[in-house]
């Protein structure tokens, strides 16, 4: 399992619901969560064999800024 960390433009619970709809359709994702208290509105994803670019593109097509953070 890999942990992917992203900075996003998600700031509100309704936006989290939109992302939930997208992420629950991806079988490779085991877990995900947001930290909206962080200044980067962090999205953490635990997944197997999933590229960060896939998540960035998926969210960006939905109008959500998403950029992988290196840690």
N, C-alpha and C. Protein backbone atom coordinates (compact mmCIF):
# COMPACT_ATOMS: atom_id res chain seq x y z
N UNK A 1 0.84 -1.18 0.00
CA UNK A 1 0.00 0.00 0.00
C UNK A 1 0.89 1.25 0.00
N UNK A 2 0.45 2.21 -0.78
CA UNK A 2 1.15 3.49 -0.85
C UNK A 2 0.26 4.56 -0.23
N UNK A 3 0.91 5.58 0.33
CA UNK A 3 0.18 6.75 0.84
C UNK A 3 0.49 7.91 -0.09
N UNK A 4 -0.55 8.46 -0.66
CA UNK A 4 -0.43 9.62 -1.55
C UNK A 4 -0.99 10.83 -0.82
N UNK A 5 -0.29 11.96 -0.91
CA UNK A 5 -0.70 13.17 -0.20
C UNK A 5 -0.80 14.31 -1.21
N UNK A 6 -1.93 15.02 -1.15
CA UNK A 6 -2.21 16.08 -2.11
C UNK A 6 -2.65 17.36 -1.41
N UNK A 7 -2.28 18.47 -2.00
CA UNK A 7 -2.84 19.77 -1.66
C UNK A 7 -4.05 19.96 -2.57
N UNK A 8 -5.17 20.45 -2.00
CA UNK A 8 -6.38 20.59 -2.81
C UNK A 8 -7.04 21.95 -2.57
N UNK A 9 -8.04 22.22 -3.38
CA UNK A 9 -8.84 23.44 -3.20
C UNK A 9 -10.14 23.15 -2.45
N UNK A 10 -10.27 21.94 -1.91
CA UNK A 10 -11.48 21.56 -1.17
C UNK A 10 -11.48 22.28 0.18
N UNK A 11 -12.58 22.99 0.46
CA UNK A 11 -12.67 23.76 1.71
C UNK A 11 -13.93 23.48 2.49
N UNK A 12 -14.93 22.86 1.87
CA UNK A 12 -16.23 22.69 2.51
C UNK A 12 -16.71 21.24 2.44
N UNK A 13 -17.55 20.84 3.38
CA UNK A 13 -18.08 19.47 3.39
C UNK A 13 -18.80 19.08 2.09
N UNK A 14 -19.47 20.01 1.45
CA UNK A 14 -20.16 19.66 0.20
C UNK A 14 -19.15 19.29 -0.89
N UNK A 15 -17.98 19.91 -0.85
CA UNK A 15 -16.93 19.56 -1.81
C UNK A 15 -16.37 18.17 -1.49
N UNK A 16 -16.26 17.86 -0.21
CA UNK A 16 -15.80 16.53 0.19
C UNK A 16 -16.77 15.48 -0.34
N UNK A 17 -18.05 15.77 -0.30
CA UNK A 17 -19.05 14.83 -0.83
C UNK A 17 -18.86 14.59 -2.32
N UNK A 18 -18.54 15.64 -3.05
CA UNK A 18 -18.26 15.49 -4.49
C UNK A 18 -17.07 14.58 -4.72
N UNK A 19 -16.02 14.79 -3.93
CA UNK A 19 -14.81 13.98 -4.07
C UNK A 19 -15.11 12.53 -3.65
N UNK A 20 -15.92 12.35 -2.62
CA UNK A 20 -16.29 11.00 -2.17
C UNK A 20 -16.89 10.21 -3.33
N UNK A 21 -17.77 10.85 -4.08
CA UNK A 21 -18.40 10.19 -5.22
C UNK A 21 -17.35 9.70 -6.22
N UNK A 22 -16.32 10.49 -6.44
CA UNK A 22 -15.27 10.12 -7.39
C UNK A 22 -14.37 9.01 -6.83
N UNK A 23 -13.94 9.17 -5.59
CA UNK A 23 -12.95 8.25 -5.02
C UNK A 23 -13.51 6.88 -4.70
N UNK A 24 -14.78 6.80 -4.34
CA UNK A 24 -15.35 5.49 -4.00
C UNK A 24 -15.48 4.59 -5.23
N UNK A 25 -15.38 5.17 -6.42
CA UNK A 25 -15.46 4.39 -7.65
C UNK A 25 -14.11 3.80 -8.06
N UNK A 26 -13.04 4.13 -7.34
CA UNK A 26 -11.70 3.67 -7.68
C UNK A 26 -11.35 2.48 -6.79
N UNK A 27 -11.35 1.26 -7.33
CA UNK A 27 -11.13 0.06 -6.51
C UNK A 27 -9.76 -0.01 -5.85
N UNK A 28 -8.77 0.66 -6.40
CA UNK A 28 -7.41 0.60 -5.84
C UNK A 28 -7.28 1.37 -4.53
N UNK A 29 -8.25 2.23 -4.23
CA UNK A 29 -8.19 3.05 -3.02
C UNK A 29 -8.77 2.28 -1.83
N UNK A 30 -7.93 2.11 -0.80
CA UNK A 30 -8.37 1.42 0.42
C UNK A 30 -8.95 2.41 1.42
N UNK A 31 -8.34 3.59 1.52
CA UNK A 31 -8.79 4.62 2.47
C UNK A 31 -8.45 5.99 1.90
N UNK A 32 -9.20 6.98 2.36
CA UNK A 32 -8.88 8.36 2.03
C UNK A 32 -9.47 9.26 3.08
N UNK A 33 -8.88 10.45 3.26
CA UNK A 33 -9.43 11.44 4.19
C UNK A 33 -8.88 12.81 3.86
N UNK A 34 -9.60 13.81 4.33
CA UNK A 34 -9.20 15.20 4.18
C UNK A 34 -8.82 15.78 5.53
N UNK A 35 -7.87 16.70 5.51
CA UNK A 35 -7.56 17.52 6.67
C UNK A 35 -7.83 18.95 6.25
N UNK A 36 -9.06 19.41 6.47
CA UNK A 36 -9.45 20.75 6.06
C UNK A 36 -8.96 21.82 7.03
N UNK A 37 -8.40 21.41 8.15
CA UNK A 37 -7.81 22.37 9.09
C UNK A 37 -6.40 22.77 8.65
N UNK A 38 -5.80 22.00 7.78
CA UNK A 38 -4.48 22.30 7.26
C UNK A 38 -4.60 23.38 6.19
N UNK A 39 -3.62 24.25 6.08
CA UNK A 39 -3.67 25.35 5.11
C UNK A 39 -3.69 24.86 3.66
N UNK A 40 -3.23 23.63 3.43
CA UNK A 40 -3.24 23.06 2.08
C UNK A 40 -4.44 22.17 1.80
N UNK A 41 -5.38 22.09 2.75
CA UNK A 41 -6.57 21.24 2.58
C UNK A 41 -6.17 19.86 2.07
N UNK A 42 -5.41 19.18 2.89
CA UNK A 42 -4.75 17.93 2.53
C UNK A 42 -5.72 16.79 2.27
N UNK A 43 -5.46 16.07 1.18
CA UNK A 43 -6.14 14.82 0.88
C UNK A 43 -5.10 13.71 0.97
N UNK A 44 -5.35 12.72 1.83
CA UNK A 44 -4.47 11.56 1.95
C UNK A 44 -5.21 10.34 1.41
N UNK A 45 -4.51 9.59 0.58
CA UNK A 45 -5.10 8.39 -0.01
C UNK A 45 -4.16 7.21 0.23
N UNK A 46 -4.74 6.11 0.71
CA UNK A 46 -4.00 4.86 0.84
C UNK A 46 -4.51 3.96 -0.28
N UNK A 47 -3.58 3.55 -1.15
CA UNK A 47 -3.98 2.79 -2.33
C UNK A 47 -2.86 1.87 -2.79
N UNK A 48 -3.22 0.98 -3.68
CA UNK A 48 -2.25 0.06 -4.27
C UNK A 48 -2.19 0.31 -5.77
N UNK A 49 -0.98 0.57 -6.27
CA UNK A 49 -0.77 0.70 -7.71
C UNK A 49 -1.48 1.87 -8.36
N UNK A 50 -1.61 2.97 -7.66
CA UNK A 50 -2.33 4.14 -8.18
C UNK A 50 -1.34 5.29 -8.34
N UNK A 51 -1.32 5.90 -9.52
CA UNK A 51 -0.38 7.00 -9.74
C UNK A 51 -0.97 8.30 -9.22
N UNK A 52 -0.13 9.17 -8.69
CA UNK A 52 -0.59 10.49 -8.24
C UNK A 52 -1.23 11.28 -9.39
N UNK A 53 -0.72 11.11 -10.59
CA UNK A 53 -1.25 11.83 -11.75
C UNK A 53 -2.71 11.44 -12.02
N UNK A 54 -3.04 10.19 -11.77
CA UNK A 54 -4.42 9.74 -11.97
C UNK A 54 -5.38 10.52 -11.06
N UNK A 55 -5.01 10.64 -9.79
CA UNK A 55 -5.85 11.37 -8.82
C UNK A 55 -5.91 12.85 -9.18
N UNK A 56 -4.77 13.44 -9.53
CA UNK A 56 -4.76 14.85 -9.92
C UNK A 56 -5.71 15.10 -11.09
N UNK A 57 -5.62 14.27 -12.10
CA UNK A 57 -6.48 14.42 -13.28
C UNK A 57 -7.95 14.20 -12.95
N UNK A 58 -8.23 13.18 -12.15
CA UNK A 58 -9.60 12.87 -11.76
C UNK A 58 -10.26 14.06 -11.06
N UNK A 59 -9.57 14.65 -10.10
CA UNK A 59 -10.13 15.78 -9.37
C UNK A 59 -10.15 17.05 -10.21
N UNK A 60 -9.12 17.27 -11.00
CA UNK A 60 -9.08 18.47 -11.82
C UNK A 60 -10.20 18.48 -12.86
N UNK A 61 -10.55 17.32 -13.40
CA UNK A 61 -11.68 17.25 -14.33
C UNK A 61 -12.99 17.60 -13.64
N UNK A 62 -13.05 17.45 -12.31
CA UNK A 62 -14.24 17.79 -11.54
C UNK A 62 -14.17 19.24 -11.03
N UNK A 63 -13.15 19.97 -11.46
CA UNK A 63 -13.04 21.38 -11.08
C UNK A 63 -12.37 21.61 -9.73
N UNK A 64 -11.62 20.63 -9.26
CA UNK A 64 -10.95 20.74 -7.96
C UNK A 64 -9.44 20.76 -8.19
N UNK A 65 -8.80 21.80 -7.67
CA UNK A 65 -7.34 21.86 -7.77
C UNK A 65 -6.76 20.77 -6.90
N UNK A 66 -5.80 20.05 -7.43
CA UNK A 66 -5.20 18.94 -6.72
C UNK A 66 -3.76 18.77 -7.17
N UNK A 67 -2.82 18.81 -6.22
CA UNK A 67 -1.41 18.68 -6.57
C UNK A 67 -0.72 17.80 -5.54
N UNK A 68 0.02 16.82 -6.01
CA UNK A 68 0.73 15.93 -5.09
C UNK A 68 1.76 16.70 -4.29
N UNK A 69 1.85 16.37 -3.01
CA UNK A 69 2.89 16.93 -2.15
C UNK A 69 3.92 15.84 -1.89
N UNK A 70 5.17 16.20 -2.02
CA UNK A 70 6.25 15.27 -1.69
C UNK A 70 6.52 15.39 -0.20
N UNK A 71 6.64 14.26 0.46
CA UNK A 71 6.90 14.28 1.90
C UNK A 71 8.07 13.42 2.24
